Amino acid sequence: MKIQKLSGKTTFSGTMTLHGQQHDVSGSAELLQ
């Protein structure tokens, strides 16, 4: 995983392993203390 920043609204990416397959995915997130 890679997160743009560790607080507030941000974006992230990472590797998903599902159904025996592996692919990069990315999305948006909100992190709160």
PDB file of all heavy atoms in Angstrom:
ATOM      1  N   MET A   1       0.807  -1.214   0.000  1.00  0.00           N
ATOM      2  CA  MET A   1       0.000   0.000   0.000  1.00  0.00           C
ATOM      3  C   MET A   1       0.845   1.271   0.000  1.00  0.00           C
ATOM      4  O   MET A   1       1.921   1.315   0.558  1.00  0.00           O
ATOM      5  CB  MET A   1      -0.921  -0.003   1.226  1.00  0.00           C
ATOM      6  CG  MET A   1      -2.028  -1.022   1.156  1.00  0.00           C
ATOM      7  SD  MET A   1      -2.819  -1.257   2.767  1.00  0.00           S
ATOM      8  CE  MET A   1      -1.775  -2.546   3.453  1.00  0.00           C
ATOM      9  N   LYS A   2       0.288   2.296  -0.613  1.00  0.00           N
ATOM     10  CA  LYS A   2       0.893   3.624  -0.638  1.00  0.00           C
ATOM     11  C   LYS A   2      -0.226   4.636  -0.427  1.00  0.00           C
ATOM     12  O   LYS A   2      -1.223   4.631  -1.152  1.00  0.00           O
ATOM     13  CB  LYS A   2       1.569   3.866  -1.990  1.00  0.00           C
ATOM     14  CG  LYS A   2       2.306   5.199  -2.086  1.00  0.00           C
ATOM     15  CD  LYS A   2       3.677   5.137  -1.458  1.00  0.00           C
ATOM     16  CE  LYS A   2       4.468   6.405  -1.731  1.00  0.00           C
ATOM     17  NZ  LYS A   2       5.818   6.358  -1.140  1.00  0.00           N
ATOM     18  N   ILE A   3      -0.082   5.481   0.608  1.00  0.00           N
ATOM     19  CA  ILE A   3      -1.088   6.489   0.918  1.00  0.00           C
ATOM     20  C   ILE A   3      -0.487   7.870   0.711  1.00  0.00           C
ATOM     21  O   ILE A   3       0.637   8.142   1.139  1.00  0.00           O
ATOM     22  CB  ILE A   3      -1.571   6.342   2.381  1.00  0.00           C
ATOM     23  CG1 ILE A   3      -2.185   4.957   2.597  1.00  0.00           C
ATOM     24  CG2 ILE A   3      -2.598   7.419   2.721  1.00  0.00           C
ATOM     25  CD1 ILE A   3      -2.583   4.691   4.032  1.00  0.00           C
ATOM     26  N   GLN A   4      -1.232   8.737   0.047  1.00  0.00           N
ATOM     27  CA  GLN A   4      -0.716  10.066  -0.261  1.00  0.00           C
ATOM     28  C   GLN A   4      -0.406  10.863   0.997  1.00  0.00           C
ATOM     29  O   GLN A   4       0.613  11.536   1.095  1.00  0.00           O
ATOM     30  CB  GLN A   4      -1.716  10.833  -1.133  1.00  0.00           C
ATOM     31  CG  GLN A   4      -1.199  12.184  -1.628  1.00  0.00           C
ATOM     32  CD  GLN A   4      -2.253  12.924  -2.423  1.00  0.00           C
ATOM     33  OE1 GLN A   4      -3.425  12.944  -2.054  1.00  0.00           O
ATOM     34  NE2 GLN A   4      -1.842  13.535  -3.516  1.00  0.00           N
ATOM     35  N   LYS A   5      -1.299  10.795   1.993  1.00  0.00           N
ATOM     36  CA  LYS A   5      -1.062  11.470   3.274  1.00  0.00           C
ATOM     37  C   LYS A   5      -1.815  10.740   4.362  1.00  0.00           C
ATOM     38  O   LYS A   5      -2.762  10.003   4.092  1.00  0.00           O
ATOM     39  CB  LYS A   5      -1.463  12.942   3.218  1.00  0.00           C
ATOM     40  CG  LYS A   5      -2.927  13.186   2.887  1.00  0.00           C
ATOM     41  CD  LYS A   5      -3.238  14.679   2.872  1.00  0.00           C
ATOM     42  CE  LYS A   5      -4.719  14.929   2.587  1.00  0.00           C
ATOM     43  NZ  LYS A   5      -5.059  16.365   2.637  1.00  0.00           N
ATOM     44  N   LEU A   6      -1.399  10.955   5.625  1.00  0.00           N
ATOM     45  CA  LEU A   6      -1.917  10.169   6.734  1.00  0.00           C
ATOM     46  C   LEU A   6      -3.046  10.834   7.501  1.00  0.00           C
ATOM     47  O   LEU A   6      -3.372  10.424   8.615  1.00  0.00           O
ATOM     48  CB  LEU A   6      -0.766   9.834   7.697  1.00  0.00           C
ATOM     49  CG  LEU A   6       0.305   8.899   7.132  1.00  0.00           C
ATOM     50  CD1 LEU A   6       1.422   8.710   8.140  1.00  0.00           C
ATOM     51  CD2 LEU A   6      -0.294   7.562   6.738  1.00  0.00           C
ATOM     52  N   SER A   7      -3.653  11.873   6.943  1.00  0.00           N
ATOM     53  CA  SER A   7      -4.826  12.461   7.590  1.00  0.00           C
ATOM     54  C   SER A   7      -5.692  13.159   6.552  1.00  0.00           C
ATOM     55  O   SER A   7      -5.195  13.607   5.517  1.00  0.00           O
ATOM     56  CB  SER A   7      -4.410  13.457   8.679  1.00  0.00           C
ATOM     57  OG  SER A   7      -3.797  14.589   8.115  1.00  0.00           O
ATOM     58  N   GLY A   8      -7.001  13.240   6.846  1.00  0.00           N
ATOM     59  CA  GLY A   8      -7.917  13.912   5.946  1.00  0.00           C
ATOM     60  C   GLY A   8      -8.224  13.104   4.700  1.00  0.00           C
ATOM     61  O   GLY A   8      -8.009  11.893   4.634  1.00  0.00           O
ATOM     62  N   LYS A   9      -8.730  13.787   3.688  1.00  0.00           N
ATOM     63  CA  LYS A   9      -9.057  13.131   2.423  1.00  0.00           C
ATOM     64  C   LYS A   9      -7.782  12.888   1.635  1.00  0.00           C
ATOM     65  O   LYS A   9      -6.929  13.764   1.523  1.00  0.00           O
ATOM     66  CB  LYS A   9     -10.032  13.991   1.628  1.00  0.00           C
ATOM     67  CG  LYS A   9     -11.407  14.096   2.280  1.00  0.00           C
ATOM     68  CD  LYS A   9     -12.382  14.898   1.441  1.00  0.00           C
ATOM     69  CE  LYS A   9     -13.753  14.960   2.108  1.00  0.00           C
ATOM     70  NZ  LYS A   9     -14.726  15.743   1.316  1.00  0.00           N
ATOM     71  N   THR A  10      -7.658  11.700   1.081  1.00  0.00           N
ATOM     72  CA  THR A  10      -6.425  11.325   0.408  1.00  0.00           C
ATOM     73  C   THR A  10      -6.709  10.271  -0.655  1.00  0.00           C
ATOM     74  O   THR A  10      -7.849   9.851  -0.851  1.00  0.00           O
ATOM     75  CB  THR A  10      -5.415  10.791   1.445  1.00  0.00           C
ATOM     76  OG1 THR A  10      -4.152  10.560   0.820  1.00  0.00           O
ATOM     77  CG2 THR A  10      -5.894   9.486   2.071  1.00  0.00           C
ATOM     78  N   THR A  11      -5.675   9.852  -1.350  1.00  0.00           N
ATOM     79  CA  THR A  11      -5.769   8.760  -2.314  1.00  0.00           C
ATOM     80  C   THR A  11      -4.785   7.672  -1.911  1.00  0.00           C
ATOM     81  O   THR A  11      -3.835   7.917  -1.159  1.00  0.00           O
ATOM     82  CB  THR A  11      -5.455   9.235  -3.747  1.00  0.00           C
ATOM     83  OG1 THR A  11      -4.141   9.813  -3.780  1.00  0.00           O
ATOM     84  CG2 THR A  11      -6.477  10.266  -4.201  1.00  0.00           C
ATOM     85  N   PHE A  12      -5.017   6.474  -2.399  1.00  0.00           N
ATOM     86  CA  PHE A  12      -4.144   5.352  -2.054  1.00  0.00           C
ATOM     87  C   PHE A  12      -4.058   4.387  -3.230  1.00  0.00           C
ATOM     88  O   PHE A  12      -4.876   4.420  -4.155  1.00  0.00           O
ATOM     89  CB  PHE A  12      -4.675   4.618  -0.818  1.00  0.00           C
ATOM     90  CG  PHE A  12      -5.980   3.912  -1.044  1.00  0.00           C
ATOM     91  CD1 PHE A  12      -6.015   2.586  -1.458  1.00  0.00           C
ATOM     92  CD2 PHE A  12      -7.187   4.580  -0.874  1.00  0.00           C
ATOM     93  CE1 PHE A  12      -7.220   1.940  -1.684  1.00  0.00           C
ATOM     94  CE2 PHE A  12      -8.399   3.940  -1.085  1.00  0.00           C
ATOM     95  CZ  PHE A  12      -8.414   2.623  -1.495  1.00  0.00           C
ATOM     96  N   SER A  13      -3.072   3.521  -3.173  1.00  0.00           N
ATOM     97  CA  SER A  13      -2.935   2.465  -4.173  1.00  0.00           C
ATOM     98  C   SER A  13      -2.364   1.234  -3.480  1.00  0.00           C
ATOM     99  O   SER A  13      -1.881   1.302  -2.350  1.00  0.00           O
ATOM    100  CB  SER A  13      -2.006   2.904  -5.313  1.00  0.00           C
ATOM    101  OG  SER A  13      -0.712   3.207  -4.811  1.00  0.00           O
ATOM    102  N   GLY A  14      -2.439   0.101  -4.155  1.00  0.00           N
ATOM    103  CA  GLY A  14      -1.908  -1.126  -3.580  1.00  0.00           C
ATOM    104  C   GLY A  14      -2.144  -2.295  -4.514  1.00  0.00           C
ATOM    105  O   GLY A  14      -2.614  -2.131  -5.648  1.00  0.00           O
ATOM    106  N   THR A  15      -1.800  -3.479  -4.042  1.00  0.00           N
ATOM    107  CA  THR A  15      -1.934  -4.707  -4.823  1.00  0.00           C
ATOM    108  C   THR A  15      -3.025  -5.583  -4.222  1.00  0.00           C
ATOM    109  O   THR A  15      -2.985  -5.910  -3.036  1.00  0.00           O
ATOM    110  CB  THR A  15      -0.607  -5.485  -4.850  1.00  0.00           C
ATOM    111  OG1 THR A  15       0.418  -4.650  -5.371  1.00  0.00           O
ATOM    112  CG2 THR A  15      -0.735  -6.724  -5.715  1.00  0.00           C
ATOM    113  N   MET A  16      -4.000  -5.927  -5.037  1.00  0.00           N
ATOM    114  CA  MET A  16      -5.089  -6.805  -4.606  1.00  0.00           C
ATOM    115  C   MET A  16      -4.851  -8.218  -5.122  1.00  0.00           C
ATOM    116  O   MET A  16      -4.584  -8.416  -6.315  1.00  0.00           O
ATOM    117  CB  MET A  16      -6.427  -6.285  -5.135  1.00  0.00           C
ATOM    118  CG  MET A  16      -7.598  -7.221  -4.900  1.00  0.00           C
ATOM    119  SD  MET A  16      -8.051  -7.352  -3.158  1.00  0.00           S
ATOM    120  CE  MET A  16      -8.866  -5.773  -2.915  1.00  0.00           C
ATOM    121  N   THR A  17      -4.917  -9.191  -4.212  1.00  0.00           N
ATOM    122  CA  THR A  17      -4.870 -10.607  -4.594  1.00  0.00           C
ATOM    123  C   THR A  17      -6.259 -11.179  -4.378  1.00  0.00           C
ATOM    124  O   THR A  17      -6.783 -11.163  -3.260  1.00  0.00           O
ATOM    125  CB  THR A  17      -3.844 -11.376  -3.753  1.00  0.00           C
ATOM    126  OG1 THR A  17      -2.551 -10.792  -3.923  1.00  0.00           O
ATOM    127  CG2 THR A  17      -3.782 -12.834  -4.190  1.00  0.00           C
ATOM    128  N   LEU A  18      -6.864 -11.659  -5.448  1.00  0.00           N
ATOM    129  CA  LEU A  18      -8.241 -12.150  -5.414  1.00  0.00           C
ATOM    130  C   LEU A  18      -8.414 -13.225  -6.474  1.00  0.00           C
ATOM    131  O   LEU A  18      -7.950 -13.056  -7.607  1.00  0.00           O
ATOM    132  CB  LEU A  18      -9.217 -10.988  -5.663  1.00  0.00           C
ATOM    133  CG  LEU A  18     -10.702 -11.317  -5.819  1.00  0.00           C
ATOM    134  CD1 LEU A  18     -11.268 -11.858  -4.520  1.00  0.00           C
ATOM    135  CD2 LEU A  18     -11.473 -10.070  -6.256  1.00  0.00           C
ATOM    136  N   HIS A  19      -9.071 -14.315  -6.122  1.00  0.00           N
ATOM    137  CA  HIS A  19      -9.362 -15.388  -7.077  1.00  0.00           C
ATOM    138  C   HIS A  19      -8.088 -15.899  -7.750  1.00  0.00           C
ATOM    139  O   HIS A  19      -8.057 -16.219  -8.926  1.00  0.00           O
ATOM    140  CB  HIS A  19     -10.355 -14.879  -8.130  1.00  0.00           C
ATOM    141  CG  HIS A  19     -11.052 -15.988  -8.869  1.00  0.00           C
ATOM    142  ND1 HIS A  19     -10.848 -16.220 -10.213  1.00  0.00           N
ATOM    143  CD2 HIS A  19     -11.956 -16.922  -8.458  1.00  0.00           C
ATOM    144  CE1 HIS A  19     -11.586 -17.247 -10.601  1.00  0.00           C
ATOM    145  NE2 HIS A  19     -12.272 -17.687  -9.554  1.00  0.00           N
ATOM    146  N   GLY A  20      -6.993 -15.944  -6.961  1.00  0.00           N
ATOM    147  CA  GLY A  20      -5.717 -16.432  -7.477  1.00  0.00           C
ATOM    148  C   GLY A  20      -5.001 -15.484  -8.410  1.00  0.00           C
ATOM    149  O   GLY A  20      -3.983 -15.844  -8.994  1.00  0.00           O
ATOM    150  N   GLN A  21      -5.517 -14.261  -8.554  1.00  0.00           N
ATOM    151  CA  GLN A  21      -4.930 -13.258  -9.445  1.00  0.00           C
ATOM    152  C   GLN A  21      -4.469 -12.052  -8.629  1.00  0.00           C
ATOM    153  O   GLN A  21      -4.986 -11.781  -7.551  1.00  0.00           O
ATOM    154  CB  GLN A  21      -5.948 -12.804 -10.492  1.00  0.00           C
ATOM    155  CG  GLN A  21      -6.567 -13.924 -11.297  1.00  0.00           C
ATOM    156  CD  GLN A  21      -5.545 -14.636 -12.160  1.00  0.00           C
ATOM    157  OE1 GLN A  21      -4.746 -13.993 -12.839  1.00  0.00           O
ATOM    158  NE2 GLN A  21      -5.561 -15.961 -12.131  1.00  0.00           N
ATOM    159  N   GLN A  22      -3.500 -11.318  -9.173  1.00  0.00           N
ATOM    160  CA  GLN A  22      -2.949 -10.152  -8.493  1.00  0.00           C
ATOM    161  C   GLN A  22      -2.937  -8.961  -9.440  1.00  0.00           C
ATOM    162  O   GLN A  22      -2.423  -9.050 -10.556  1.00  0.00           O
ATOM    163  CB  GLN A  22      -1.523 -10.456  -8.021  1.00  0.00           C
ATOM    164  CG  GLN A  22      -1.135  -9.805  -6.727  1.00  0.00           C
ATOM    165  CD  GLN A  22       0.236 -10.232  -6.260  1.00  0.00           C
ATOM    166  OE1 GLN A  22       1.213 -10.086  -6.987  1.00  0.00           O
ATOM    167  NE2 GLN A  22       0.323 -10.767  -5.040  1.00  0.00           N
ATOM    168  N   HIS A  23      -3.532  -7.835  -8.982  1.00  0.00           N
ATOM    169  CA  HIS A  23      -3.559  -6.627  -9.805  1.00  0.00           C
ATOM    170  C   HIS A  23      -3.462  -5.393  -8.919  1.00  0.00           C
ATOM    171  O   HIS A  23      -3.864  -5.407  -7.752  1.00  0.00           O
ATOM    172  CB  HIS A  23      -4.859  -6.557 -10.627  1.00  0.00           C
ATOM    173  CG  HIS A  23      -4.945  -7.571 -11.717  1.00  0.00           C
ATOM    174  ND1 HIS A  23      -4.247  -7.454 -12.900  1.00  0.00           N
ATOM    175  CD2 HIS A  23      -5.636  -8.740 -11.791  1.00  0.00           C
ATOM    176  CE1 HIS A  23      -4.512  -8.498 -13.672  1.00  0.00           C
ATOM    177  NE2 HIS A  23      -5.354  -9.295 -13.016  1.00  0.00           N
ATOM    178  N   ASP A  24      -2.941  -4.316  -9.498  1.00  0.00           N
ATOM    179  CA  ASP A  24      -2.885  -3.044  -8.790  1.00  0.00           C
ATOM    180  C   ASP A  24      -4.262  -2.388  -8.806  1.00  0.00           C
ATOM    181  O   ASP A  24      -4.974  -2.435  -9.819  1.00  0.00           O
ATOM    182  CB  ASP A  24      -1.871  -2.102  -9.450  1.00  0.00           C
ATOM    183  CG  ASP A  24      -0.441  -2.594  -9.301  1.00  0.00           C
ATOM    184  OD1 ASP A  24      -0.176  -3.361  -8.360  1.00  0.00           O
ATOM    185  OD2 ASP A  24       0.406  -2.202 -10.129  1.00  0.00           O
ATOM    186  N   VAL A  25      -4.639  -1.781  -7.682  1.00  0.00           N
ATOM    187  CA  VAL A  25      -5.888  -1.031  -7.584  1.00  0.00           C
ATOM    188  C   VAL A  25      -5.593   0.299  -6.903  1.00  0.00           C
ATOM    189  O   VAL A  25      -4.563   0.470  -6.260  1.00  0.00           O
ATOM    190  CB  VAL A  25      -6.969  -1.805  -6.787  1.00  0.00           C
ATOM    191  CG1 VAL A  25      -7.330  -3.102  -7.483  1.00  0.00           C
ATOM    192  CG2 VAL A  25      -6.507  -2.069  -5.360  1.00  0.00           C
ATOM    193  N   SER A  26      -6.505   1.247  -7.044  1.00  0.00           N
ATOM    194  CA  SER A  26      -6.335   2.542  -6.387  1.00  0.00           C
ATOM    195  C   SER A  26      -7.707   3.118  -6.085  1.00  0.00           C
ATOM    196  O   SER A  26      -8.715   2.741  -6.698  1.00  0.00           O
ATOM    197  CB  SER A  26      -5.535   3.503  -7.266  1.00  0.00           C
ATOM    198  OG  SER A  26      -6.186   3.725  -8.503  1.00  0.00           O
ATOM    199  N   GLY A  27      -7.752   4.040  -5.122  1.00  0.00           N
ATOM    200  CA  GLY A  27      -9.021   4.627  -4.741  1.00  0.00           C
ATOM    201  C   GLY A  27      -8.833   5.849  -3.871  1.00  0.00           C
ATOM    202  O   GLY A  27      -7.747   6.414  -3.774  1.00  0.00           O
ATOM    203  N   SER A  28      -9.918   6.251  -3.221  1.00  0.00           N
ATOM    204  CA  SER A  28      -9.896   7.427  -2.358  1.00  0.00           C
ATOM    205  C   SER A  28     -10.246   7.012  -0.938  1.00  0.00           C
ATOM    206  O   SER A  28     -10.898   5.985  -0.707  1.00  0.00           O
ATOM    207  CB  SER A  28     -10.887   8.480  -2.857  1.00  0.00           C
ATOM    208  OG  SER A  28     -12.205   7.953  -2.870  1.00  0.00           O
ATOM    209  N   ALA A  29      -9.805   7.817   0.035  1.00  0.00           N
ATOM    210  CA  ALA A  29     -10.041   7.481   1.434  1.00  0.00           C
ATOM    211  C   ALA A  29     -10.079   8.739   2.282  1.00  0.00           C
ATOM    212  O   ALA A  29      -9.618   9.813   1.854  1.00  0.00           O
ATOM    213  CB  ALA A  29      -8.952   6.536   1.942  1.00  0.00           C
ATOM    214  N   GLU A  30     -10.622   8.587   3.476  1.00  0.00           N
ATOM    215  CA  GLU A  30     -10.545   9.639   4.474  1.00  0.00           C
ATOM    216  C   GLU A  30     -10.040   9.018   5.772  1.00  0.00           C
ATOM    217  O   GLU A  30     -10.575   8.006   6.233  1.00  0.00           O
ATOM    218  CB  GLU A  30     -11.902  10.303   4.704  1.00  0.00           C
ATOM    219  CG  GLU A  30     -11.825  11.476   5.672  1.00  0.00           C
ATOM    220  CD  GLU A  30     -13.072  12.346   5.674  1.00  0.00           C
ATOM    221  OE1 GLU A  30     -14.044  11.969   4.994  1.00  0.00           O
ATOM    222  OE2 GLU A  30     -13.061  13.388   6.345  1.00  0.00           O
ATOM    223  N   LEU A  31      -8.973   9.603   6.330  1.00  0.00           N
ATOM    224  CA  LEU A  31      -8.370   9.110   7.559  1.00  0.00           C
ATOM    225  C   LEU A  31      -8.600  10.114   8.679  1.00  0.00           C
ATOM    226  O   LEU A  31      -8.327  11.307   8.509  1.00  0.00           O
ATOM    227  CB  LEU A  31      -6.863   8.889   7.381  1.00  0.00           C
ATOM    228  CG  LEU A  31      -6.403   7.609   6.666  1.00  0.00           C
ATOM    229  CD1 LEU A  31      -6.793   7.625   5.193  1.00  0.00           C
ATOM    230  CD2 LEU A  31      -4.895   7.441   6.796  1.00  0.00           C
ATOM    231  N   LEU A  32      -9.098   9.625   9.804  1.00  0.00           N
ATOM    232  CA  LEU A  32      -9.339  10.468  10.968  1.00  0.00           C
ATOM    233  C   LEU A  32      -8.632   9.882  12.176  1.00  0.00           C
ATOM    234  O   LEU A  32      -8.558   8.657  12.330  1.00  0.00           O
ATOM    235  CB  LEU A  32     -10.841  10.575  11.256  1.00  0.00           C
ATOM    236  CG  LEU A  32     -11.723  11.179  10.160  1.00  0.00           C
ATOM    237  CD1 LEU A  32     -13.190  11.077  10.569  1.00  0.00           C
ATOM    238  CD2 LEU A  32     -11.346  12.638   9.908  1.00  0.00           C
ATOM    239  N   GLN A  33      -8.127  10.738  13.052  1.00  0.00           N
ATOM    240  CA  GLN A  33      -7.518  10.274  14.288  1.00  0.00           C
ATOM    241  C   GLN A  33      -8.558   9.615  15.173  1.00  0.00           C
ATOM    242  O   GLN A  33      -9.698  10.072  15.257  1.00  0.00           O
ATOM    243  CB  GLN A  33      -6.903  11.441  15.043  1.00  0.00           C
ATOM    244  CG  GLN A  33      -5.725  12.092  14.351  1.00  0.00           C
ATOM    245  CD  GLN A  33      -5.241  13.290  15.132  1.00  0.00           C
ATOM    246  OE1 GLN A  33      -5.531  13.431  16.319  1.00  0.00           O
ATOM    247  NE2 GLN A  33      -4.510  14.166  14.477  1.00  0.00           N
TER     248      GLN A  33
END
